[in-house]
Amino acid sequence: MAEKKTDGVRIQKVMADQGVASRRRSEEMIEAGVVTVNGRKATIGQKVDPRRDLIVVDGVKLNAGVKKRRYYIALNKPRGYVTTLNDEMDRKCVAELVQNVPERVYPIGRLDRNSEGLLLFTNDGEFANRVMHPRYHISKTYRVTVRPDVNDKQLVQLTEGVKIDGVMTAPAQVTVLTKEPGRVVMQMVISEGRNRQIRKMCEAVGLEVARLKRV
């Protein structure tokens, strides 16, 4: 059995720094067995030497010893696109929106298919990690259109936190922007990034989300 490296850089960090995918997505690729180091399947947390080890991702050699130009893109994602680089259901992917970028970039975080607005792309793994990791408390602001109306009790619940998927959300900032018959537009600011969080928070207090845009 080959001796494990005790120094070097974690394989998922190398992949993220080289613009393959975010660290989280890189770990998923390693678990799926599509990443090898010197001909052996990689393991999460494995230490590698980017300049000496042969790293192959899904059949493509990773030139990890070559420093790449960093890209940071703020994109206005339209509705109807899924936040992934490829989709087994052949739906429209956000990768189509950044095809003209010279280097491979990946989205930081997600917006669901029916949501729109700000979506960041990069090939800088450290930057992506700082934006996504909960300990950095990067806030995200959304413009949320709900039906049919919102009352003070619901606003207080959203502000103080509600239970979704069995776990309470952190306090949020909620402001009513406009009110019309059967339609209310709110601004919601959250510091978490849980799956479909805004929609689930609104559903938990009895509100239907008609439109969701990250601003």
Protein backbone atom coordinates (compact mmCIF):
# COMPACT_ATOMS: atom_id res chain seq x y z
CA MET A 1 0.00 0.00 0.00
CA ALA A 2 1.35 3.42 -0.96
CA GLU A 3 2.32 5.68 1.92
CA LYS A 4 -0.08 8.59 2.43
CA LYS A 5 1.30 12.05 2.03
CA THR A 6 1.52 14.06 5.22
CA ASP A 7 2.30 17.38 3.55
CA GLY A 8 1.05 19.08 0.40
CA VAL A 9 -2.38 20.48 -0.42
CA ARG A 10 -5.78 18.83 -0.02
CA ILE A 11 -7.01 17.47 -3.35
CA GLN A 12 -10.39 19.26 -3.18
CA LYS A 13 -8.64 22.61 -2.64
CA VAL A 14 -6.41 22.01 -5.65
CA MET A 15 -9.47 21.22 -7.76
CA ALA A 16 -11.27 24.33 -6.55
CA ASP A 17 -8.22 26.54 -7.10
CA GLN A 18 -7.93 25.23 -10.64
CA GLY A 19 -11.54 26.08 -11.43
CA VAL A 20 -12.82 22.50 -11.66
CA ALA A 21 -15.64 23.11 -9.18
CA SER A 22 -16.28 24.46 -5.71
CA ARG A 23 -14.74 22.54 -2.80
CA ARG A 24 -18.09 21.00 -1.94
CA ARG A 25 -18.74 19.90 -5.53
CA SER A 26 -15.13 18.68 -5.80
CA GLU A 27 -15.70 16.45 -2.76
CA GLU A 28 -18.80 15.03 -4.45
CA MET A 29 -16.73 14.26 -7.57
CA ILE A 30 -14.06 12.55 -5.46
CA GLU A 31 -16.72 10.46 -3.70
CA ALA A 32 -18.13 9.52 -7.12
CA GLY A 33 -14.72 8.08 -8.05
CA VAL A 34 -14.02 10.30 -11.08
CA VAL A 35 -10.80 11.79 -9.62
CA THR A 36 -7.48 9.93 -9.58
CA VAL A 37 -4.02 10.78 -8.28
CA ASN A 38 -1.14 8.93 -9.94
CA GLY A 39 -3.56 6.33 -11.26
CA ARG A 40 -5.33 5.67 -7.94
CA LYS A 41 -8.76 6.87 -6.92
CA ALA A 42 -8.50 10.00 -4.80
CA THR A 43 -9.96 10.35 -1.32
CA ILE A 44 -11.40 13.47 0.31
CA GLY A 45 -8.70 15.32 2.23
CA GLN A 46 -5.87 13.50 0.47
CA LYS A 47 -2.70 15.61 0.31
CA VAL A 48 -1.10 16.09 -3.11
CA ASP A 49 1.81 17.96 -4.65
CA PRO A 50 0.21 19.94 -7.50
CA ARG A 51 3.53 20.20 -9.39
CA ARG A 52 4.51 16.52 -9.22
CA ASP A 53 1.39 14.39 -8.87
CA LEU A 54 -0.67 13.37 -11.89
CA ILE A 55 -4.22 14.45 -11.13
CA VAL A 56 -6.98 13.38 -13.53
CA VAL A 57 -10.57 14.59 -13.22
CA ASP A 58 -13.18 12.71 -15.22
CA GLY A 59 -10.55 11.63 -17.73
CA VAL A 60 -8.93 15.05 -18.12
CA LYS A 61 -5.45 15.81 -16.79
CA LEU A 62 -5.37 18.72 -14.34
CA ASN A 63 -2.45 21.09 -14.92
CA ALA A 64 -2.38 22.02 -11.26
CA GLY A 65 1.16 23.37 -11.37
CA VAL A 66 0.17 26.14 -13.78
CA LYS A 67 -1.14 29.34 -12.24
CA LYS A 68 -4.37 30.43 -13.89
CA ARG A 69 -5.90 33.83 -14.32
CA ARG A 70 -8.67 34.41 -11.79
CA TYR A 71 -12.18 35.32 -12.92
CA TYR A 72 -14.96 36.85 -10.80
CA ILE A 73 -18.29 37.23 -12.58
CA ALA A 74 -21.56 38.73 -11.34
CA LEU A 75 -24.36 37.42 -13.54
CA ASN A 76 -28.09 38.13 -13.60
CA LYS A 77 -29.51 34.60 -13.83
CA PRO A 78 -32.82 34.42 -15.69
CA ARG A 79 -35.62 32.16 -14.58
CA GLY A 80 -35.66 28.73 -16.18
CA TYR A 81 -31.97 27.88 -15.71
CA VAL A 82 -30.70 25.31 -13.22
CA THR A 83 -27.56 26.19 -11.24
CA THR A 84 -25.31 23.40 -12.41
CA LEU A 85 -22.63 22.94 -15.05
CA ASN A 86 -24.44 19.98 -16.63
CA ASP A 87 -27.84 18.39 -16.15
CA GLU A 88 -28.85 14.78 -16.72
CA MET A 89 -32.42 15.93 -17.48
CA ASP A 90 -31.18 18.13 -20.36
CA ARG A 91 -32.52 21.34 -18.81
CA LYS A 92 -30.97 24.73 -19.47
CA CYS A 93 -27.86 25.18 -17.28
CA VAL A 94 -26.13 28.34 -16.09
CA ALA A 95 -22.95 27.03 -17.77
CA GLU A 96 -24.52 28.16 -21.06
CA LEU A 97 -24.45 31.74 -19.78
CA VAL A 98 -20.66 31.81 -19.27
CA GLN A 99 -19.50 29.92 -22.35
CA ASN A 100 -17.41 32.88 -23.56
CA VAL A 101 -15.17 32.89 -20.45
CA PRO A 102 -11.67 31.61 -21.40
CA GLU A 103 -11.29 29.54 -18.22
CA ARG A 104 -13.70 27.06 -16.64
CA VAL A 105 -15.71 28.88 -13.96
CA TYR A 106 -18.37 27.55 -11.61
CA PRO A 107 -21.26 29.12 -9.67
CA ILE A 108 -20.86 30.14 -6.03
CA GLY A 109 -23.92 28.83 -4.26
CA ARG A 110 -27.22 28.25 -6.01
CA LEU A 111 -30.44 29.80 -7.22
CA ASP A 112 -33.26 27.37 -7.94
CA ARG A 113 -34.67 27.03 -11.43
CA ASN A 114 -37.59 29.40 -10.89
CA SER A 115 -35.53 32.07 -9.10
CA GLU A 116 -33.56 34.84 -10.76
CA GLY A 117 -31.00 37.50 -9.98
CA LEU A 118 -27.42 37.72 -8.75
CA LEU A 119 -25.30 34.61 -9.22
CA LEU A 120 -21.53 34.74 -8.78
CA PHE A 121 -19.08 32.66 -10.81
CA THR A 122 -15.36 32.18 -10.26
CA ASN A 123 -12.42 29.83 -10.69
CA ASP A 124 -10.94 30.96 -7.36
CA GLY A 125 -11.66 28.23 -4.82
CA GLU A 126 -10.58 30.24 -1.77
CA PHE A 127 -12.85 33.14 -2.73
CA ALA A 128 -15.77 30.77 -3.32
CA ASN A 129 -15.22 29.16 0.08
CA ARG A 130 -15.18 32.52 1.87
CA VAL A 131 -18.42 33.57 0.21
CA MET A 132 -20.25 30.32 0.92
CA HIS A 133 -18.97 29.25 4.34
CA PRO A 134 -21.43 30.10 7.17
CA ARG A 135 -18.68 31.38 9.49
CA TYR A 136 -18.11 34.43 7.28
CA HIS A 137 -21.77 35.55 7.58
CA ILE A 138 -22.03 36.91 4.03
CA SER A 139 -25.54 38.34 3.80
CA LYS A 140 -27.77 37.88 0.75
CA THR A 141 -30.62 40.20 -0.19
CA TYR A 142 -33.76 39.07 -2.01
CA ARG A 143 -36.78 40.81 -3.50
CA VAL A 144 -39.70 38.50 -2.77
CA THR A 145 -43.20 38.78 -4.20
CA VAL A 146 -45.76 36.84 -2.12
CA ARG A 147 -49.49 36.16 -2.23
CA PRO A 148 -52.07 37.01 -1.07
CA ASP A 149 -51.05 39.36 1.77
CA VAL A 150 -48.72 39.46 4.75
CA ASN A 151 -49.64 40.35 8.33
CA ASP A 152 -47.60 41.51 11.31
CA LYS A 153 -47.47 38.05 12.85
CA GLN A 154 -45.98 36.55 9.70
CA LEU A 155 -43.43 39.36 9.47
CA VAL A 156 -42.35 38.79 13.07
CA GLN A 157 -42.03 35.04 12.46
CA LEU A 158 -39.85 35.59 9.38
CA THR A 159 -37.70 38.13 11.23
CA GLU A 160 -37.15 36.01 14.35
CA GLY A 161 -36.70 32.74 12.46
CA VAL A 162 -38.88 29.79 11.52
CA LYS A 163 -38.34 26.06 11.57
CA ILE A 164 -37.61 24.48 8.18
CA ASP A 165 -36.51 20.88 7.74
CA GLY A 166 -36.54 20.59 11.53
CA VAL A 167 -34.02 23.39 12.13
CA MET A 168 -34.64 27.03 13.04
CA THR A 169 -33.41 29.67 10.63
CA ALA A 170 -31.23 32.53 11.85
CA PRO A 171 -32.91 35.93 12.34
CA ALA A 172 -33.58 37.79 9.10
CA GLN A 173 -34.23 41.38 8.08
CA VAL A 174 -37.66 41.73 6.46
CA THR A 175 -39.07 44.94 5.00
CA VAL A 176 -42.36 45.43 3.14
CA LEU A 177 -41.65 47.44 -0.01
CA THR A 178 -45.07 47.61 -1.68
CA LYS A 179 -48.58 46.32 -1.00
CA GLU A 180 -51.30 45.78 -3.59
CA PRO A 181 -54.51 43.73 -3.48
CA GLY A 182 -53.46 40.08 -3.44
CA ARG A 183 -49.75 40.88 -3.82
CA VAL A 184 -46.97 42.06 -1.51
CA VAL A 185 -43.32 42.77 -2.36
CA MET A 186 -40.82 42.32 0.48
CA GLN A 187 -37.08 42.65 0.87
CA MET A 188 -35.50 39.81 2.85
CA VAL A 189 -31.87 39.72 3.99
CA ILE A 190 -30.45 36.43 5.29
CA SER A 191 -26.97 35.32 6.31
CA GLU A 192 -27.49 31.61 5.61
CA GLY A 193 -27.56 29.68 2.37
CA ARG A 194 -29.78 26.67 2.98
CA ASN A 195 -31.53 24.91 0.10
CA ARG A 196 -34.55 26.93 -1.15
CA GLN A 197 -34.43 28.82 2.15
CA ILE A 198 -36.49 31.89 1.25
CA ARG A 199 -39.25 29.83 -0.35
CA LYS A 200 -39.38 27.42 2.59
CA MET A 201 -39.43 30.26 5.12
CA CYS A 202 -42.38 31.87 3.37
CA GLU A 203 -44.21 28.56 3.02
CA ALA A 204 -43.70 27.92 6.75
CA VAL A 205 -45.73 31.02 7.64
CA GLY A 206 -48.40 30.44 4.99
CA LEU A 207 -47.16 32.67 2.16
CA GLU A 208 -46.99 31.69 -1.51
CA VAL A 209 -43.90 32.96 -3.34
CA ALA A 210 -44.87 34.27 -6.76
CA ARG A 211 -41.44 35.66 -7.69
CA LEU A 212 -37.99 35.53 -6.12
CA LYS A 213 -35.02 37.63 -7.17
CA ARG A 214 -31.63 37.91 -5.47
CA VAL A 215 -30.45 41.48 -5.70
